[in-house]
PDB file of N, CA and C in Angstrom:
ATOM      1  N   MET A   1       0.850  -1.168   0.000  1.00  0.00           N
ATOM      2  CA  MET A   1       0.000   0.000   0.000  1.00  0.00           C
ATOM      3  C   MET A   1       0.893   1.227   0.000  1.00  0.00           C
ATOM      4  N   SER A   2       0.808   2.002  -1.039  1.00  0.00           N
ATOM      5  CA  SER A   2       1.704   3.142  -1.157  1.00  0.00           C
ATOM      6  C   SER A   2       1.256   4.313  -0.286  1.00  0.00           C
ATOM      7  N   SER A   3      -0.032   4.639  -0.276  1.00  0.00           N
ATOM      8  CA  SER A   3      -0.456   5.741   0.560  1.00  0.00           C
ATOM      9  C   SER A   3      -1.976   5.762   0.700  1.00  0.00           C
ATOM     10  N   ILE A   4      -2.406   6.495   1.695  1.00  0.00           N
ATOM     11  CA  ILE A   4      -3.839   6.672   1.911  1.00  0.00           C
ATOM     12  C   ILE A   4      -4.431   7.460   0.744  1.00  0.00           C
ATOM     13  N   LYS A   5      -3.668   8.418   0.263  1.00  0.00           N
ATOM     14  CA  LYS A   5      -4.115   9.247  -0.862  1.00  0.00           C
ATOM     15  C   LYS A   5      -4.423   8.381  -2.084  1.00  0.00           C
ATOM     16  N   ASN A   6      -3.545   7.423  -2.379  1.00  0.00           N
ATOM     17  CA  ASN A   6      -3.762   6.541  -3.529  1.00  0.00           C
ATOM     18  C   ASN A   6      -4.945   5.605  -3.304  1.00  0.00           C
ATOM     19  N   LEU A   7      -5.145   5.165  -2.059  1.00  0.00           N
ATOM     20  CA  LEU A   7      -6.290   4.312  -1.762  1.00  0.00           C
ATOM     21  C   LEU A   7      -7.591   5.079  -1.987  1.00  0.00           C
ATOM     22  N   LYS A   8      -7.634   6.326  -1.553  1.00  0.00           N
ATOM     23  CA  LYS A   8      -8.823   7.145  -1.774  1.00  0.00           C
ATOM     24  C   LYS A   8      -9.066   7.360  -3.269  1.00  0.00           C
ATOM     25  N   LYS A   9      -7.995   7.563  -4.030  1.00  0.00           N
ATOM     26  CA  LYS A   9      -8.130   7.722  -5.483  1.00  0.00           C
ATOM     27  C   LYS A   9      -8.669   6.440  -6.109  1.00  0.00           C
ATOM     28  N   ASP A  10      -8.163   5.295  -5.663  1.00  0.00           N
ATOM     29  CA  ASP A  10      -8.641   4.011  -6.186  1.00  0.00           C
ATOM     30  C   ASP A  10     -10.135   3.837  -5.922  1.00  0.00           C
ATOM     31  N   ILE A  11     -10.550   4.154  -4.702  1.00  0.00           N
ATOM     32  CA  ILE A  11     -11.972   4.048  -4.356  1.00  0.00           C
ATOM     33  C   ILE A  11     -12.794   4.945  -5.274  1.00  0.00           C
ATOM     34  N   ASN A  12     -12.340   6.169  -5.452  1.00  0.00           N
ATOM     35  CA  ASN A  12     -13.058   7.130  -6.284  1.00  0.00           C
ATOM     36  C   ASN A  12     -13.135   6.662  -7.734  1.00  0.00           C
ATOM     37  N   TYR A  13     -12.014   6.221  -8.295  1.00  0.00           N
ATOM     38  CA  TYR A  13     -11.989   5.815  -9.698  1.00  0.00           C
ATOM     39  C   TYR A  13     -12.809   4.556  -9.942  1.00  0.00           C
ATOM     40  N   VAL A  14     -12.651   3.567  -9.082  1.00  0.00           N
ATOM     41  CA  VAL A  14     -13.356   2.297  -9.289  1.00  0.00           C
ATOM     42  C   VAL A  14     -14.863   2.500  -9.193  1.00  0.00           C
ATOM     43  N   LEU A  15     -15.307   3.155  -8.129  1.00  0.00           N
ATOM     44  CA  LEU A  15     -16.750   3.338  -7.974  1.00  0.00           C
ATOM     45  C   LEU A  15     -17.299   4.346  -8.975  1.00  0.00           C
ATOM     46  N   GLY A  16     -16.488   5.303  -9.395  1.00  0.00           N
ATOM     47  CA  GLY A  16     -16.906   6.217 -10.456  1.00  0.00           C
ATOM     48  C   GLY A  16     -17.130   5.480 -11.764  1.00  0.00           C
ATOM     49  N   ASP A  17     -16.238   4.547 -12.068  1.00  0.00           N
ATOM     50  CA  ASP A  17     -16.399   3.732 -13.274  1.00  0.00           C
ATOM     51  C   ASP A  17     -17.635   2.843 -13.185  1.00  0.00           C
ATOM     52  N   VAL A  18     -17.903   2.305 -12.000  1.00  0.00           N
ATOM     53  CA  VAL A  18     -19.092   1.471 -11.804  1.00  0.00           C
ATOM     54  C   VAL A  18     -20.352   2.304 -12.038  1.00  0.00           C
ATOM     55  N   ILE A  19     -20.370   3.518 -11.513  1.00  0.00           N
ATOM     56  CA  ILE A  19     -21.533   4.390 -11.691  1.00  0.00           C
ATOM     57  C   ILE A  19     -21.718   4.736 -13.165  1.00  0.00           C
ATOM     58  N   GLU A  20     -20.632   5.057 -13.830  1.00  0.00           N
ATOM     59  CA  GLU A  20     -20.702   5.381 -15.257  1.00  0.00           C
ATOM     60  C   GLU A  20     -21.227   4.192 -16.061  1.00  0.00           C
ATOM     61  N   TYR A  21     -20.752   2.996 -15.736  1.00  0.00           N
ATOM     62  CA  TYR A  21     -21.201   1.784 -16.409  1.00  0.00           C
ATOM     63  C   TYR A  21     -22.684   1.541 -16.132  1.00  0.00           C
ATOM     64  N   ALA A  22     -23.120   1.787 -14.900  1.00  0.00           N
ATOM     65  CA  ALA A  22     -24.535   1.597 -14.550  1.00  0.00           C
ATOM     66  C   ALA A  22     -25.416   2.548 -15.344  1.00  0.00           C
ATOM     67  N   ILE A  23     -24.974   3.777 -15.500  1.00  0.00           N
ATOM     68  CA  ILE A  23     -25.748   4.757 -16.269  1.00  0.00           C
ATOM     69  C   ILE A  23     -25.880   4.301 -17.717  1.00  0.00           C
ATOM     70  N   ASP A  24     -24.766   3.859 -18.295  1.00  0.00           N
ATOM     71  CA  ASP A  24     -24.775   3.426 -19.699  1.00  0.00           C
ATOM     72  C   ASP A  24     -25.679   2.215 -19.913  1.00  0.00           C
ATOM     73  N   VAL A  25     -25.541   1.215 -19.062  1.00  0.00           N
ATOM     74  CA  VAL A  25     -26.323  -0.013 -19.231  1.00  0.00           C
ATOM     75  C   VAL A  25     -27.800   0.257 -18.976  1.00  0.00           C
ATOM     76  N   ALA A  26     -28.105   1.035 -17.943  1.00  0.00           N
ATOM     77  CA  ALA A  26     -29.507   1.339 -17.643  1.00  0.00           C
ATOM     78  C   ALA A  26     -30.159   2.108 -18.788  1.00  0.00           C
ATOM     79  N   ALA A  27     -29.411   3.008 -19.410  1.00  0.00           N
ATOM     80  CA  ALA A  27     -29.959   3.765 -20.539  1.00  0.00           C
ATOM     81  C   ALA A  27     -30.181   2.858 -21.745  1.00  0.00           C
ATOM     82  N   LEU A  28     -29.241   1.965 -21.992  1.00  0.00           N
ATOM     83  CA  LEU A  28     -29.385   1.055 -23.137  1.00  0.00           C
ATOM     84  C   LEU A  28     -30.558   0.102 -22.965  1.00  0.00           C
ATOM     85  N   LYS A  29     -30.763  -0.364 -21.748  1.00  0.00           N
ATOM     86  CA  LYS A  29     -31.833  -1.336 -21.498  1.00  0.00           C
ATOM     87  C   LYS A  29     -33.127  -0.665 -21.045  1.00  0.00           C
ATOM     88  N   ASN A  30     -33.138   0.674 -21.024  1.00  0.00           N
ATOM     89  CA  ASN A  30     -34.311   1.453 -20.636  1.00  0.00           C
ATOM     90  C   ASN A  30     -34.828   1.057 -19.254  1.00  0.00           C
ATOM     91  N   GLN A  31     -33.919   0.951 -18.295  1.00  0.00           N
ATOM     92  CA  GLN A  31     -34.275   0.598 -16.916  1.00  0.00           C
ATOM     93  C   GLN A  31     -33.593   1.579 -15.955  1.00  0.00           C
ATOM     94  N   GLN A  32     -33.981   2.845 -16.061  1.00  0.00           N
ATOM     95  CA  GLN A  32     -33.338   3.878 -15.270  1.00  0.00           C
ATOM     96  C   GLN A  32     -33.580   3.713 -13.771  1.00  0.00           C
ATOM     97  N   LYS A  33     -34.762   3.261 -13.379  1.00  0.00           N
ATOM     98  CA  LYS A  33     -35.053   3.103 -11.947  1.00  0.00           C
ATOM     99  C   LYS A  33     -34.129   2.074 -11.308  1.00  0.00           C
ATOM    100  N   GLU A  34     -33.954   0.939 -11.968  1.00  0.00           N
ATOM    101  CA  GLU A  34     -33.067  -0.089 -11.442  1.00  0.00           C
ATOM    102  C   GLU A  34     -31.621   0.401 -11.436  1.00  0.00           C
ATOM    103  N   GLY A  35     -31.249   1.137 -12.479  1.00  0.00           N
ATOM    104  CA  GLY A  35     -29.908   1.712 -12.544  1.00  0.00           C
ATOM    105  C   GLY A  35     -29.657   2.701 -11.420  1.00  0.00           C
ATOM    106  N   ASN A  36     -30.679   3.511 -11.105  1.00  0.00           N
ATOM    107  CA  ASN A  36     -30.539   4.477 -10.017  1.00  0.00           C
ATOM    108  C   ASN A  36     -30.366   3.796  -8.665  1.00  0.00           C
ATOM    109  N   ILE A  37     -31.007   2.663  -8.476  1.00  0.00           N
ATOM    110  CA  ILE A  37     -30.860   1.913  -7.224  1.00  0.00           C
ATOM    111  C   ILE A  37     -29.417   1.433  -7.084  1.00  0.00           C
ATOM    112  N   ILE A  38     -28.855   0.934  -8.158  1.00  0.00           N
ATOM    113  CA  ILE A  38     -27.461   0.468  -8.130  1.00  0.00           C
ATOM    114  C   ILE A  38     -26.508   1.642  -7.926  1.00  0.00           C
ATOM    115  N   ILE A  39     -26.791   2.767  -8.537  1.00  0.00           N
ATOM    116  CA  ILE A  39     -25.954   3.960  -8.365  1.00  0.00           C
ATOM    117  C   ILE A  39     -25.987   4.425  -6.911  1.00  0.00           C
ATOM    118  N   ASP A  40     -27.181   4.421  -6.303  1.00  0.00           N
ATOM    119  CA  ASP A  40     -27.288   4.797  -4.891  1.00  0.00           C
ATOM    120  C   ASP A  40     -26.478   3.857  -4.002  1.00  0.00           C
ATOM    121  N   GLU A  41     -26.513   2.578  -4.332  1.00  0.00           N
ATOM    122  CA  GLU A  41     -25.728   1.601  -3.569  1.00  0.00           C
ATOM    123  C   GLU A  41     -24.224   1.854  -3.727  1.00  0.00           C
ATOM    124  N   ALA A  42     -23.797   2.224  -4.929  1.00  0.00           N
ATOM    125  CA  ALA A  42     -22.389   2.540  -5.163  1.00  0.00           C
ATOM    126  C   ALA A  42     -21.966   3.769  -4.359  1.00  0.00           C
ATOM    127  N   ILE A  43     -22.836   4.754  -4.273  1.00  0.00           N
ATOM    128  CA  ILE A  43     -22.531   5.960  -3.502  1.00  0.00           C
ATOM    129  C   ILE A  43     -22.450   5.635  -2.018  1.00  0.00           C
ATOM    130  N   GLU A  44     -23.348   4.797  -1.527  1.00  0.00           N
ATOM    131  CA  GLU A  44     -23.294   4.373  -0.122  1.00  0.00           C
ATOM    132  C   GLU A  44     -22.010   3.602   0.157  1.00  0.00           C
ATOM    133  N   THR A  45     -21.603   2.762  -0.768  1.00  0.00           N
ATOM    134  CA  THR A  45     -20.353   2.017  -0.626  1.00  0.00           C
ATOM    135  C   THR A  45     -19.172   2.969  -0.576  1.00  0.00           C
ATOM    136  N   PHE A  46     -19.162   3.965  -1.455  1.00  0.00           N
ATOM    137  CA  PHE A  46     -18.106   4.971  -1.463  1.00  0.00           C
ATOM    138  C   PHE A  46     -18.015   5.669  -0.110  1.00  0.00           C
ATOM    139  N   ASP A  47     -19.149   6.119   0.397  1.00  0.00           N
ATOM    140  CA  ASP A  47     -19.166   6.828   1.680  1.00  0.00           C
ATOM    141  C   ASP A  47     -18.641   5.949   2.811  1.00  0.00           C
ATOM    142  N   ALA A  48     -19.073   4.687   2.836  1.00  0.00           N
ATOM    143  CA  ALA A  48     -18.643   3.777   3.897  1.00  0.00           C
ATOM    144  C   ALA A  48     -17.139   3.500   3.821  1.00  0.00           C
ATOM    145  N   LEU A  49     -16.613   3.319   2.619  1.00  0.00           N
ATOM    146  CA  LEU A  49     -15.180   3.043   2.480  1.00  0.00           C
ATOM    147  C   LEU A  49     -14.330   4.258   2.851  1.00  0.00           C
ATOM    148  N   ILE A  50     -14.769   5.444   2.483  1.00  0.00           N
ATOM    149  CA  ILE A  50     -14.021   6.653   2.831  1.00  0.00           C
ATOM    150  C   ILE A  50     -14.030   6.858   4.346  1.00  0.00           C
ATOM    151  N   VAL A  51     -15.152   6.622   4.990  1.00  0.00           N
ATOM    152  CA  VAL A  51     -15.208   6.720   6.454  1.00  0.00           C
ATOM    153  C   VAL A  51     -14.235   5.722   7.076  1.00  0.00           C
ATOM    154  N   SER A  52     -14.188   4.533   6.528  1.00  0.00           N
ATOM    155  CA  SER A  52     -13.278   3.504   7.031  1.00  0.00           C
ATOM    156  C   SER A  52     -11.814   3.907   6.836  1.00  0.00           C
ATOM    157  N   VAL A  53     -11.502   4.514   5.702  1.00  0.00           N
ATOM    158  CA  VAL A  53     -10.130   4.973   5.444  1.00  0.00           C
ATOM    159  C   VAL A  53      -9.748   6.071   6.428  1.00  0.00           C
ATOM    160  N   ASN A  54     -10.685   6.946   6.750  1.00  0.00           N
ATOM    161  CA  ASN A  54     -10.399   8.085   7.615  1.00  0.00           C
ATOM    162  C   ASN A  54     -10.420   7.762   9.107  1.00  0.00           C
ATOM    163  N   THR A  55     -10.687   6.527   9.471  1.00  0.00           N
ATOM    164  CA  THR A  55     -10.661   6.124  10.872  1.00  0.00           C
ATOM    165  C   THR A  55      -9.263   6.327  11.426  1.00  0.00           C
ATOM    166  N   LYS A  56      -9.188   6.981  12.575  1.00  0.00           N
ATOM    167  CA  LYS A  56      -7.881   7.361  13.124  1.00  0.00           C
ATOM    168  C   LYS A  56      -7.252   6.302  14.030  1.00  0.00           C
ATOM    169  N   LYS A  57      -8.009   5.735  14.936  1.00  0.00           N
ATOM    170  CA  LYS A  57      -7.435   4.827  15.933  1.00  0.00           C
ATOM    171  C   LYS A  57      -7.450   3.383  15.420  1.00  0.00           C
ATOM    172  N   ILE A  58      -6.352   2.999  14.803  1.00  0.00           N
ATOM    173  CA  ILE A  58      -6.219   1.675  14.203  1.00  0.00           C
ATOM    174  C   ILE A  58      -4.967   1.022  14.769  1.00  0.00           C
ATOM    175  N   GLN A  59      -5.052  -0.242  15.133  1.00  0.00           N
ATOM    176  CA  GLN A  59      -3.898  -0.954  15.675  1.00  0.00           C
ATOM    177  C   GLN A  59      -2.889  -1.287  14.578  1.00  0.00           C
ATOM    178  N   ASN A  60      -3.345  -1.951  13.540  1.00  0.00           N
ATOM    179  CA  ASN A  60      -2.477  -2.390  12.460  1.00  0.00           C
ATOM    180  C   ASN A  60      -2.936  -1.718  11.163  1.00  0.00           C
ATOM    181  N   LYS A  61      -2.298  -0.602  10.822  1.00  0.00           N
ATOM    182  CA  LYS A  61      -2.739   0.185   9.668  1.00  0.00           C
ATOM    183  C   LYS A  61      -2.612  -0.578   8.359  1.00  0.00           C
ATOM    184  N   LYS A  62      -1.531  -1.306   8.191  1.00  0.00           N
ATOM    185  CA  LYS A  62      -1.310  -2.022   6.933  1.00  0.00           C
ATOM    186  C   LYS A  62      -2.428  -3.042   6.691  1.00  0.00           C
ATOM    187  N   ALA A  63      -2.772  -3.808   7.710  1.00  0.00           N
ATOM    188  CA  ALA A  63      -3.835  -4.804   7.573  1.00  0.00           C
ATOM    189  C   ALA A  63      -5.188  -4.131   7.356  1.00  0.00           C
ATOM    190  N   HIS A  64      -5.406  -3.019   8.027  1.00  0.00           N
ATOM    191  CA  HIS A  64      -6.668  -2.291   7.894  1.00  0.00           C
ATOM    192  C   HIS A  64      -6.868  -1.803   6.461  1.00  0.00           C
ATOM    193  N   PHE A  65      -5.836  -1.185   5.885  1.00  0.00           N
ATOM    194  CA  PHE A  65      -5.957  -0.657   4.534  1.00  0.00           C
ATOM    195  C   PHE A  65      -6.006  -1.775   3.496  1.00  0.00           C
ATOM    196  N   LYS A  66      -5.342  -2.879   3.759  1.00  0.00           N
ATOM    197  CA  LYS A  66      -5.411  -4.027   2.861  1.00  0.00           C
ATOM    198  C   LYS A  66      -6.835  -4.595   2.862  1.00  0.00           C
ATOM    199  N   ALA A  67      -7.467  -4.608   4.038  1.00  0.00           N
ATOM    200  CA  ALA A  67      -8.847  -5.093   4.140  1.00  0.00           C
ATOM    201  C   ALA A  67      -9.807  -4.157   3.412  1.00  0.00           C
ATOM    202  N   ILE A  68      -9.564  -2.864   3.492  1.00  0.00           N
ATOM    203  CA  ILE A  68     -10.406  -1.893   2.776  1.00  0.00           C
ATOM    204  C   ILE A  68     -10.279  -2.110   1.271  1.00  0.00           C
ATOM    205  N   ASN A  69      -9.061  -2.327   0.806  1.00  0.00           N
ATOM    206  CA  ASN A  69      -8.823  -2.566  -0.618  1.00  0.00           C
ATOM    207  C   ASN A  69      -9.538  -3.836  -1.083  1.00  0.00           C
ATOM    208  N   ALA A  70      -9.479  -4.888  -0.274  1.00  0.00           N
ATOM    209  CA  ALA A  70     -10.162  -6.135  -0.612  1.00  0.00           C
ATOM    210  C   ALA A  70     -11.677  -5.938  -0.610  1.00  0.00           C
ATOM    211  N   ASP A  71     -12.172  -5.167   0.359  1.00  0.00           N
ATOM    212  CA  ASP A  71     -13.598  -4.883   0.445  1.00  0.00           C
ATOM    213  C   ASP A  71     -14.070  -4.100  -0.781  1.00  0.00           C
ATOM    214  N   LEU A  72     -13.264  -3.147  -1.222  1.00  0.00           N
ATOM    215  CA  LEU A  72     -13.576  -2.378  -2.430  1.00  0.00           C
ATOM    216  C   LEU A  72     -13.714  -3.307  -3.630  1.00  0.00           C
ATOM    217  N   GLU A  73     -12.789  -4.225  -3.757  1.00  0.00           N
ATOM    218  CA  GLU A  73     -12.804  -5.152  -4.892  1.00  0.00           C
ATOM    219  C   GLU A  73     -14.060  -6.023  -4.877  1.00  0.00           C
ATOM    220  N   VAL A  74     -14.400  -6.551  -3.714  1.00  0.00           N
ATOM    221  CA  VAL A  74     -15.564  -7.428  -3.590  1.00  0.00           C
ATOM    222  C   VAL A  74     -16.856  -6.665  -3.895  1.00  0.00           C
ATOM    223  N   LYS A  75     -16.983  -5.469  -3.312  1.00  0.00           N
ATOM    224  CA  LYS A  75     -18.213  -4.697  -3.509  1.00  0.00           C
ATOM    225  C   LYS A  75     -18.338  -4.205  -4.950  1.00  0.00           C
ATOM    226  N   ALA A  76     -17.231  -3.820  -5.567  1.00  0.00           N
ATOM    227  CA  ALA A  76     -17.276  -3.372  -6.959  1.00  0.00           C
ATOM    228  C   ALA A  76     -17.697  -4.525  -7.874  1.00  0.00           C
ATOM    229  N   LYS A  77     -17.164  -5.707  -7.641  1.00  0.00           N
ATOM    230  CA  LYS A  77     -17.561  -6.872  -8.447  1.00  0.00           C
ATOM    231  C   LYS A  77     -19.043  -7.171  -8.266  1.00  0.00           C
ATOM    232  N   GLY A  78     -19.529  -7.069  -7.035  1.00  0.00           N
ATOM    233  CA  GLY A  78     -20.947  -7.303  -6.774  1.00  0.00           C
ATOM    234  C   GLY A  78     -21.834  -6.299  -7.497  1.00  0.00           C
ATOM    235  N   LEU A  79     -21.416  -5.041  -7.497  1.00  0.00           N
ATOM    236  CA  LEU A  79     -22.192  -4.016  -8.200  1.00  0.00           C
ATOM    237  C   LEU A  79     -22.191  -4.248  -9.701  1.00  0.00           C
ATOM    238  N   VAL A  80     -21.062  -4.639 -10.258  1.00  0.00           N
ATOM    239  CA  VAL A  80     -20.979  -4.917 -11.697  1.00  0.00           C
ATOM    240  C   VAL A  80     -21.858  -6.110 -12.057  1.00  0.00           C
ATOM    241  N   GLU A  81     -21.908  -7.123 -11.199  1.00  0.00           N
ATOM    242  CA  GLU A  81     -22.772  -8.265 -11.454  1.00  0.00           C
ATOM    243  C   GLU A  81     -24.244  -7.851 -11.447  1.00  0.00           C
ATOM    244  N   LYS A  82     -24.609  -6.948 -10.528  1.00  0.00           N
ATOM    245  CA  LYS A  82     -26.002  -6.453 -10.503  1.00  0.00           C
ATOM    246  C   LYS A  82     -26.312  -5.671 -11.778  1.00  0.00           C
ATOM    247  N   ILE A  83     -25.347  -4.886 -12.226  1.00  0.00           N
ATOM    248  CA  ILE A  83     -25.541  -4.106 -13.457  1.00  0.00           C
ATOM    249  C   ILE A  83     -25.721  -5.057 -14.645  1.00  0.00           C
ATOM    250  N   ASN A  84     -24.906  -6.078 -14.698  1.00  0.00           N
ATOM    251  CA  ASN A  84     -24.983  -7.026 -15.818  1.00  0.00           C
ATOM    252  C   ASN A  84     -26.294  -7.797 -15.827  1.00  0.00           C
ATOM    253  N   SER A  85     -26.920  -7.930 -14.661  1.00  0.00           N
ATOM    254  CA  SER A  85     -28.178  -8.689 -14.588  1.00  0.00           C
ATOM    255  C   SER A  85     -29.403  -7.827 -14.913  1.00  0.00           C
ATOM    256  N   LEU A  86     -29.214  -6.544 -15.191  1.00  0.00           N
ATOM    257  CA  LEU A  86     -30.342  -5.681 -15.559  1.00  0.00           C
ATOM    258  C   LEU A  86     -31.039  -6.200 -16.805  1.00  0.00           C
TER     259      LEU A  86
END
């Protein structure tokens, strides 16, 4: 893990791409309501991960940030699977 700054950028870029993909797929399949639900979930995920990154009192920072990175990957894959199932 190079830095907290890079982790925050990764969270922003990955979930931003997921939101962009959700908008595109929802528009193509004419299912904006379902797309908006997935977008809201992506925004909630973003907020939760950023709060977790900004937590100050952590025993093992390296393990904590590695867990956040793994959580980002799992949640992003789950969101993409929901988008693909539209």
